[in-house]
Amino acid sequence: MENKKGLETILEEIDKIIEDQNIGIGEKIPSERYLKERLNVSRQSVREALRALELIGVIYVKRGEGTYLANIDSHQLYKLIAKYLIRTDRQYEELNELMHMIDYYYEHKYQGMKTVKDDDNQIVNRIYSLLEKYANGYEN
């Protein structure tokens, strides 16, 4: 790891470890001790990074068992983000308009035979899903 040892760098390195080790949702991630030694940082720095990842729903901790990769798509954070991201009825309407544009595109591209959720384009699916979560989190 390079000399820069800030939280962001540690988070990036943990992400790289998860990717390199092909750790899937629900699987255990390496221990604090392993991360400390691998990243050559203090245990406190590792704990801070893991707490940040837990807060945003990337990981979850089972006390006495370990730390696991979470399914971030089901995290309650989306509702909280929506409260700050979409603050007015106009912004909510703009978000819905964007979703309708995507729906319209799919309706015409596939003559009504396929929707966004039926398509195998993972990026579009993910974006559309996020838009839905933000729209559902909006409270006027």
Protein backbone atom coordinates (compact mmCIF):
# COMPACT_ATOMS: atom_id res chain seq x y z
CA MET A 1 0.00 0.00 0.00
CA GLU A 2 1.26 3.47 -0.78
CA ASN A 3 2.31 5.99 1.90
CA LYS A 4 -1.06 7.74 1.92
CA LYS A 5 -2.97 5.97 4.69
CA GLY A 6 -6.15 7.97 4.96
CA LEU A 7 -9.56 6.43 5.50
CA GLU A 8 -10.37 6.63 1.80
CA THR A 9 -7.25 4.67 0.87
CA ILE A 10 -7.98 2.01 3.48
CA LEU A 11 -11.56 1.69 2.18
CA GLU A 12 -10.26 1.32 -1.37
CA GLU A 13 -7.80 -1.35 -0.27
CA ILE A 14 -10.50 -3.28 1.61
CA ASP A 15 -12.67 -3.12 -1.50
CA LYS A 16 -9.77 -4.46 -3.56
CA ILE A 17 -9.27 -7.34 -1.11
CA ILE A 18 -12.99 -8.19 -1.29
CA GLU A 19 -12.82 -8.13 -5.07
CA ASP A 20 -9.52 -10.04 -5.33
CA GLN A 21 -10.77 -12.76 -2.97
CA ASN A 22 -14.11 -12.86 -4.80
CA ILE A 23 -16.06 -12.48 -1.55
CA GLY A 24 -19.79 -12.66 -2.18
CA ILE A 25 -22.80 -11.34 -0.30
CA GLY A 26 -23.17 -13.12 3.03
CA GLU A 27 -19.58 -14.33 3.04
CA LYS A 28 -17.07 -13.50 5.73
CA ILE A 29 -14.49 -10.81 5.02
CA PRO A 30 -10.92 -10.98 6.41
CA SER A 31 -10.35 -10.25 10.09
CA GLU A 32 -9.20 -6.94 11.53
CA ARG A 33 -5.83 -8.51 12.29
CA TYR A 34 -5.41 -9.68 8.68
CA LEU A 35 -6.42 -6.27 7.31
CA LYS A 36 -4.10 -4.47 9.73
CA GLU A 37 -1.14 -6.58 8.66
CA ARG A 38 -1.98 -6.63 4.95
CA LEU A 39 -2.55 -2.88 4.76
CA ASN A 40 0.21 -1.97 7.21
CA VAL A 41 -2.03 0.36 9.21
CA SER A 42 -3.11 0.54 12.84
CA ARG A 43 -5.91 -1.62 14.16
CA GLN A 44 -7.79 1.58 15.03
CA SER A 45 -7.61 2.67 11.37
CA VAL A 46 -9.01 -0.69 10.26
CA ARG A 47 -11.81 -0.42 12.83
CA GLU A 48 -12.68 3.08 11.66
CA ALA A 49 -12.88 1.89 8.06
CA LEU A 50 -14.99 -1.13 9.00
CA ARG A 51 -17.36 1.07 11.03
CA ALA A 52 -17.77 3.35 8.01
CA LEU A 53 -18.54 0.35 5.79
CA GLU A 54 -21.02 -0.95 8.35
CA LEU A 55 -22.74 2.42 8.60
CA ILE A 56 -23.36 2.59 4.87
CA GLY A 57 -24.48 -1.03 4.73
CA VAL A 58 -21.58 -2.63 2.86
CA ILE A 59 -20.82 -5.03 5.72
CA TYR A 60 -22.51 -6.31 8.84
CA VAL A 61 -21.04 -7.72 12.03
CA LYS A 62 -22.14 -10.84 13.84
CA ARG A 63 -20.76 -10.46 17.34
CA GLY A 64 -18.36 -13.26 18.14
CA GLU A 65 -18.48 -14.63 14.59
CA GLY A 66 -16.99 -12.05 12.26
CA THR A 67 -17.76 -9.48 9.62
CA TYR A 68 -19.72 -10.28 6.48
CA LEU A 69 -20.37 -8.67 3.13
CA ALA A 70 -23.92 -7.30 3.08
CA ASN A 71 -26.50 -6.90 0.37
CA ILE A 72 -26.40 -3.11 0.20
CA ASP A 73 -29.50 -3.01 -2.00
CA SER A 74 -31.68 -3.77 1.01
CA HIS A 75 -30.11 -1.19 3.33
CA GLN A 76 -32.21 1.45 5.08
CA LEU A 77 -29.66 4.09 4.09
CA TYR A 78 -31.53 4.74 0.83
CA LYS A 79 -34.46 6.24 2.70
CA LEU A 80 -32.11 8.49 4.68
CA ILE A 81 -30.28 9.59 1.53
CA ALA A 82 -33.59 10.28 -0.19
CA LYS A 83 -34.50 12.74 2.55
CA TYR A 84 -31.42 14.80 1.73
CA LEU A 85 -31.28 14.17 -2.01
CA ILE A 86 -34.93 14.86 -2.81
CA ARG A 87 -36.12 17.80 -0.73
CA THR A 88 -38.93 19.27 -2.82
CA ASP A 89 -41.96 18.09 -4.74
CA ARG A 90 -40.32 19.39 -7.91
CA GLN A 91 -37.24 17.21 -7.37
CA TYR A 92 -39.51 14.23 -6.73
CA GLU A 93 -41.37 14.95 -9.97
CA GLU A 94 -38.07 15.23 -11.85
CA LEU A 95 -37.00 11.87 -10.47
CA ASN A 96 -40.28 10.30 -11.58
CA GLU A 97 -39.91 11.92 -15.00
CA LEU A 98 -36.52 10.29 -15.39
CA MET A 99 -37.99 6.91 -14.47
CA HIS A 100 -40.80 7.43 -16.99
CA MET A 101 -38.23 8.26 -19.68
CA ILE A 102 -36.46 4.97 -19.01
CA ASP A 103 -39.78 3.10 -19.02
CA TYR A 104 -40.75 4.80 -22.30
CA TYR A 105 -37.45 3.81 -23.89
CA TYR A 106 -37.93 0.17 -22.94
CA GLU A 107 -41.56 0.13 -24.03
CA HIS A 108 -40.60 1.35 -27.49
CA LYS A 109 -37.39 -0.61 -27.86
CA TYR A 110 -39.10 -3.91 -27.03
CA GLN A 111 -42.67 -3.08 -28.18
CA GLY A 112 -43.97 -3.58 -24.63
CA MET A 113 -42.49 -7.09 -24.37
CA LYS A 114 -39.72 -6.18 -21.94
CA THR A 115 -39.31 -3.75 -19.06
CA VAL A 116 -36.20 -2.38 -17.39
CA LYS A 117 -36.39 -5.16 -14.82
CA ASP A 118 -36.55 -7.81 -17.55
CA ASP A 119 -33.40 -6.55 -19.25
CA ASP A 120 -30.00 -8.01 -18.43
CA ASN A 121 -28.28 -4.61 -18.48
CA GLN A 122 -27.02 -4.56 -14.90
CA ILE A 123 -26.09 -0.87 -14.89
CA VAL A 124 -29.52 0.31 -16.06
CA ASN A 125 -31.18 -2.08 -13.62
CA ARG A 126 -29.08 -0.78 -10.73
CA ILE A 127 -29.71 2.88 -11.59
CA TYR A 128 -33.44 2.30 -12.02
CA SER A 129 -33.58 0.42 -8.71
CA LEU A 130 -31.81 3.29 -6.96
CA LEU A 131 -34.21 5.80 -8.48
CA GLU A 132 -37.12 3.72 -7.19
CA LYS A 133 -35.62 3.55 -3.70
CA TYR A 134 -35.03 7.29 -3.63
CA ALA A 135 -38.56 7.95 -4.89
CA ASN A 136 -40.00 5.63 -2.26
CA GLY A 137 -37.96 7.36 0.43
CA TYR A 138 -39.30 10.80 -0.39
CA GLU A 139 -41.75 12.17 2.14
CA ASN A 140 -43.49 15.41 1.24
